[in-house]
């Protein structure tokens, strides 16, 4: 019990010391350069609200979809050691077929064509 109380007191004391040091050593008056939205030495040209490319959005969604596929298929080597590996492999094959059909559909629709 004494050891727990000692560790609690030590951690509380260390936390208070670190907080005090943070307030003491921190820069209290930041300059105008740090407060400006751009720190890369040039003035902003135009609006920050430019239209977003739908094609870029579609490619990003496809990337996330196939990234999720890899996350789902990652435990497959361990899943084949279960009681019914045929069921596991069937579901895996179904996932891969659905994603492949979706990719083919997207390709045929021209969603992967970057240039217009």
Protein backbone atom coordinates (compact mmCIF):
# COMPACT_ATOMS: atom_id res chain seq x y z
CA UNK A 1 0.00 0.00 0.00
CA UNK A 2 2.88 2.32 0.82
CA UNK A 3 4.44 1.70 -2.59
CA UNK A 4 1.23 2.62 -4.39
CA UNK A 5 0.88 5.81 -2.35
CA UNK A 6 4.52 6.66 -3.05
CA UNK A 7 4.09 6.13 -6.81
CA UNK A 8 0.88 8.18 -6.84
CA UNK A 9 2.57 11.03 -4.96
CA UNK A 10 5.61 10.88 -7.22
CA UNK A 11 3.54 10.99 -10.41
CA UNK A 12 1.39 13.84 -9.09
CA UNK A 13 4.47 15.82 -8.06
CA UNK A 14 6.14 15.22 -11.42
CA UNK A 15 2.99 16.28 -13.26
CA UNK A 16 2.73 19.51 -11.29
CA UNK A 17 6.41 20.27 -11.91
CA UNK A 18 6.04 19.68 -15.64
CA UNK A 19 2.93 21.87 -15.85
CA UNK A 20 4.70 24.68 -13.99
CA UNK A 21 7.72 24.38 -16.26
CA UNK A 22 5.48 24.53 -19.29
CA UNK A 23 3.90 27.79 -18.14
CA UNK A 24 7.25 29.22 -17.09
CA UNK A 25 9.23 28.30 -20.22
CA UNK A 26 6.49 28.77 -22.80
CA UNK A 27 6.61 31.76 -25.10
CA UNK A 28 3.84 34.01 -23.83
CA UNK A 29 3.97 36.58 -26.64
CA UNK A 30 3.87 34.85 -30.02
CA UNK A 31 4.90 37.03 -32.93
CA UNK A 32 2.71 37.93 -35.91
CA UNK A 33 4.37 35.35 -38.16
CA UNK A 34 3.29 32.50 -35.90
CA UNK A 35 -0.24 33.84 -35.73
CA UNK A 36 -0.60 34.14 -39.51
CA UNK A 37 -2.38 31.32 -41.36
CA UNK A 38 0.47 30.86 -43.86
CA UNK A 39 3.99 30.19 -42.62
CA UNK A 40 5.54 29.32 -45.99
CA UNK A 41 6.65 32.88 -46.90
CA UNK A 42 4.15 33.68 -49.65
CA UNK A 43 0.79 35.38 -49.70
CA UNK A 44 -2.24 33.28 -50.57
CA UNK A 45 -3.26 33.57 -54.22
CA UNK A 46 -6.98 33.27 -54.71
CA UNK A 47 -9.63 31.57 -52.66
CA UNK A 48 -9.00 28.60 -50.40
CA UNK A 49 -12.42 27.23 -51.39
CA UNK A 50 -11.64 25.94 -54.85
CA UNK A 51 -13.92 23.32 -56.40
CA UNK A 52 -12.99 19.77 -55.51
CA UNK A 53 -12.37 17.26 -58.29
CA UNK A 54 -14.95 14.46 -58.28
CA UNK A 55 -12.53 12.15 -60.11
CA UNK A 56 -9.97 12.59 -57.35
CA UNK A 57 -12.70 11.81 -54.82
CA UNK A 58 -13.64 8.59 -56.71
CA UNK A 59 -10.01 7.43 -56.83
CA UNK A 60 -9.67 8.14 -53.11
CA UNK A 61 -12.81 6.10 -52.39
CA UNK A 62 -11.47 3.22 -54.50
CA UNK A 63 -8.19 3.35 -52.60
CA UNK A 64 -10.05 3.18 -49.29
CA UNK A 65 -12.15 0.30 -50.56
CA UNK A 66 -9.15 -1.79 -51.56
CA UNK A 67 -7.32 -0.81 -48.41
CA UNK A 68 -10.27 -2.17 -46.46
CA UNK A 69 -10.11 -5.34 -48.54
CA UNK A 70 -6.51 -5.89 -47.48
CA UNK A 71 -7.48 -5.34 -43.86
CA UNK A 72 -10.23 -7.96 -44.20
CA UNK A 73 -7.99 -10.48 -45.92
CA UNK A 74 -4.99 -10.02 -43.63
CA UNK A 75 -6.06 -12.63 -41.03
CA UNK A 76 -6.78 -15.19 -43.78
CA UNK A 77 -3.75 -17.43 -43.08
CA UNK A 78 -4.90 -17.89 -39.50
CA UNK A 79 -8.55 -18.26 -40.48
CA UNK A 80 -7.77 -21.25 -42.70
CA UNK A 81 -6.80 -23.18 -39.55
CA UNK A 82 -10.35 -22.98 -38.20
CA UNK A 83 -12.78 -25.88 -38.04
CA UNK A 84 -14.19 -25.22 -41.51
CA UNK A 85 -11.56 -23.69 -43.81
CA UNK A 86 -13.76 -24.23 -46.85
CA UNK A 87 -16.34 -21.75 -45.49
CA UNK A 88 -13.60 -19.20 -44.81
CA UNK A 89 -12.15 -19.58 -48.27
CA UNK A 90 -15.63 -19.33 -49.83
CA UNK A 91 -16.34 -16.03 -48.09
CA UNK A 92 -12.87 -14.77 -49.06
CA UNK A 93 -13.45 -15.69 -52.68
CA UNK A 94 -16.85 -13.96 -52.58
CA UNK A 95 -15.28 -10.75 -51.25
CA UNK A 96 -12.55 -10.80 -53.89
CA UNK A 97 -15.05 -11.49 -56.70
CA UNK A 98 -17.35 -8.65 -55.58
CA UNK A 99 -14.46 -6.19 -55.38
CA UNK A 100 -13.11 -7.31 -58.75
CA UNK A 101 -16.54 -6.90 -60.36
CA UNK A 102 -16.83 -3.43 -58.82
CA UNK A 103 -13.41 -2.47 -60.15
CA UNK A 104 -14.30 -3.75 -63.64
CA UNK A 105 -17.59 -1.81 -63.55
CA UNK A 106 -15.77 1.37 -62.48
CA UNK A 107 -13.19 0.85 -65.21
CA UNK A 108 -15.85 0.32 -67.90
CA UNK A 109 -17.77 3.41 -66.75
CA UNK A 110 -14.61 5.51 -67.16
CA UNK A 111 -14.25 6.37 -63.50
CA UNK A 112 -10.55 5.63 -63.55
CA UNK A 113 -9.82 7.92 -66.51
CA UNK A 114 -8.07 10.94 -65.09
CA UNK A 115 -7.95 13.11 -68.22
CA UNK A 116 -11.22 14.33 -69.68
